[in-house]
Every structure is written in C-alpha cells, then in structure tokens.
Amino acid sequence: MPMAKLTLTAPPEVISMAEEQAKRENTSISAMFTNFVMAKSRLGAHHRSRTKIGPLTKSLTGIVKLPDDFDEKEFMGQVIDEKYGLGK
C-alpha cells in the first residue's frame, strides 16, 4: 500500500504513551495508527450493517407504550415461567 505523510497533534503525555507502546510492541506509531483506524473502520462497518431495521419492524415502532419502570428481564422471566410451567 502506498504511504502518504500525516502530521498529528497530541498532548506530550499522549505522544510519550504512544512511543512507549510502540516500543513495547516493536512497531511504529504510524503502524499503530494505521491498525487503529482500520480496526475502527471495520467495527463501524460491522455495527452499521447490524443496525439496519427492516420496513415491517420500522412500521411497528412506537405502537406499544410501556411504563417507565417496565423491566424486560422480569417480564421475559414471567413469560418463560408460564410457558414451561415453572415456579408453580
């Protein structure tokens, strides 16, 4: 991959931390930055692809109003108890 020059500005303590980490990992700050940006980009793409909501789900959004103190875990526990006859 062809490389281009980039100048970053950071507080001296952050620069020192980056230098120490690069030394520990036997790499360069440029390589660490490249890896960071690429990993962040992959995570962002993965997150965006998971959060797409289908048209049916989107059309149903807001139909049910739940109380502010609604506890989903407790409700699901009750549903499972009823379905499988537990807790009786």
Protein backbone atom coordinates (compact mmCIF):
# COMPACT_ATOMS: atom_id res chain seq x y z
CA MET A 1 0.00 0.00 0.00
CA PRO A 2 1.47 3.40 -0.93
CA MET A 3 2.10 5.65 2.04
CA ALA A 4 1.43 9.36 2.48
CA LYS A 5 2.63 11.66 5.23
CA LEU A 6 0.28 12.77 8.01
CA THR A 7 1.03 15.12 10.88
CA LEU A 8 -0.92 14.65 14.11
CA THR A 9 -1.08 16.93 17.12
CA ALA A 10 -1.47 15.48 20.61
CA PRO A 11 -0.60 16.37 24.19
CA PRO A 12 3.01 15.49 25.12
CA GLU A 13 1.88 12.78 27.57
CA VAL A 14 -0.14 11.05 24.83
CA ILE A 15 2.82 11.17 22.48
CA SER A 16 5.01 9.69 25.21
CA MET A 17 2.46 6.91 25.80
CA ALA A 18 2.32 6.17 22.07
CA GLU A 19 6.12 6.00 21.86
CA GLU A 20 6.29 3.64 24.84
CA GLN A 21 3.56 1.40 23.47
CA ALA A 22 5.18 1.29 20.02
CA LYS A 23 8.47 0.33 21.63
CA ARG A 24 6.82 -2.43 23.71
CA GLU A 25 5.06 -3.79 20.62
CA ASN A 26 8.16 -3.42 18.46
CA THR A 27 6.30 -1.33 15.90
CA SER A 28 5.98 2.30 14.83
CA ILE A 29 3.45 4.91 15.82
CA SER A 30 2.47 5.11 12.16
CA ALA A 31 1.73 1.38 12.08
CA MET A 32 -0.22 1.61 15.34
CA PHE A 33 -2.27 4.50 13.94
CA THR A 34 -2.93 2.59 10.71
CA ASN A 35 -4.05 -0.50 12.64
CA PHE A 36 -6.26 1.60 14.91
CA VAL A 37 -8.03 3.37 12.05
CA MET A 38 -8.51 0.14 10.09
CA ALA A 39 -9.90 -1.71 13.13
CA LYS A 40 -12.20 1.19 13.97
CA SER A 41 -13.43 1.28 10.39
CA ARG A 42 -14.17 -2.47 10.38
CA LEU A 43 -16.04 -2.19 13.69
CA GLY A 44 -18.05 0.73 12.39
CA ALA A 45 -18.99 -1.13 9.21
CA HIS A 46 -19.96 -4.19 11.25
CA HIS A 47 -22.04 -2.06 13.62
CA ARG A 48 -23.79 -0.22 10.77
CA SER A 49 -24.65 -3.48 9.00
CA ARG A 50 -26.17 -4.93 12.18
CA THR A 51 -28.35 -1.95 12.97
CA LYS A 52 -30.42 -1.88 9.79
CA ILE A 53 -34.09 -2.16 10.65
CA GLY A 54 -36.46 -3.79 8.21
CA PRO A 55 -39.55 -1.99 6.92
CA LEU A 56 -42.00 -4.12 8.93
CA THR A 57 -40.15 -3.51 12.19
CA LYS A 58 -39.84 0.16 11.38
CA SER A 59 -43.59 0.40 10.73
CA LEU A 60 -44.33 -1.19 14.13
CA THR A 61 -42.04 1.12 16.07
CA GLY A 62 -43.92 3.13 18.70
CA ILE A 63 -47.15 1.08 18.60
CA VAL A 64 -46.79 -0.15 22.21
CA LYS A 65 -46.23 2.28 25.07
CA LEU A 66 -44.60 0.68 28.12
CA PRO A 67 -44.38 2.19 31.59
CA ASP A 68 -41.09 3.86 32.51
CA ASP A 69 -40.42 1.24 35.18
CA PHE A 70 -41.03 -1.73 32.83
CA ASP A 71 -38.43 -4.46 33.46
CA GLU A 72 -37.89 -6.54 30.30
CA LYS A 73 -35.90 -9.26 32.07
CA GLU A 74 -38.56 -9.73 34.73
CA PHE A 75 -41.30 -9.82 32.09
CA MET A 76 -39.44 -12.39 29.99
CA GLY A 77 -38.85 -14.49 33.12
CA GLN A 78 -42.59 -14.50 33.77
CA VAL A 79 -43.36 -15.45 30.17
CA ILE A 80 -40.90 -18.36 30.29
CA ASP A 81 -42.26 -19.48 33.68
CA GLU A 82 -45.81 -19.53 32.26
CA LYS A 83 -44.79 -21.25 29.03
CA TYR A 84 -42.88 -24.07 30.71
CA GLY A 85 -44.98 -24.29 33.90
CA LEU A 86 -42.12 -23.25 36.15
CA GLY A 87 -42.45 -21.60 39.53
CA LYS A 88 -45.82 -23.15 40.33
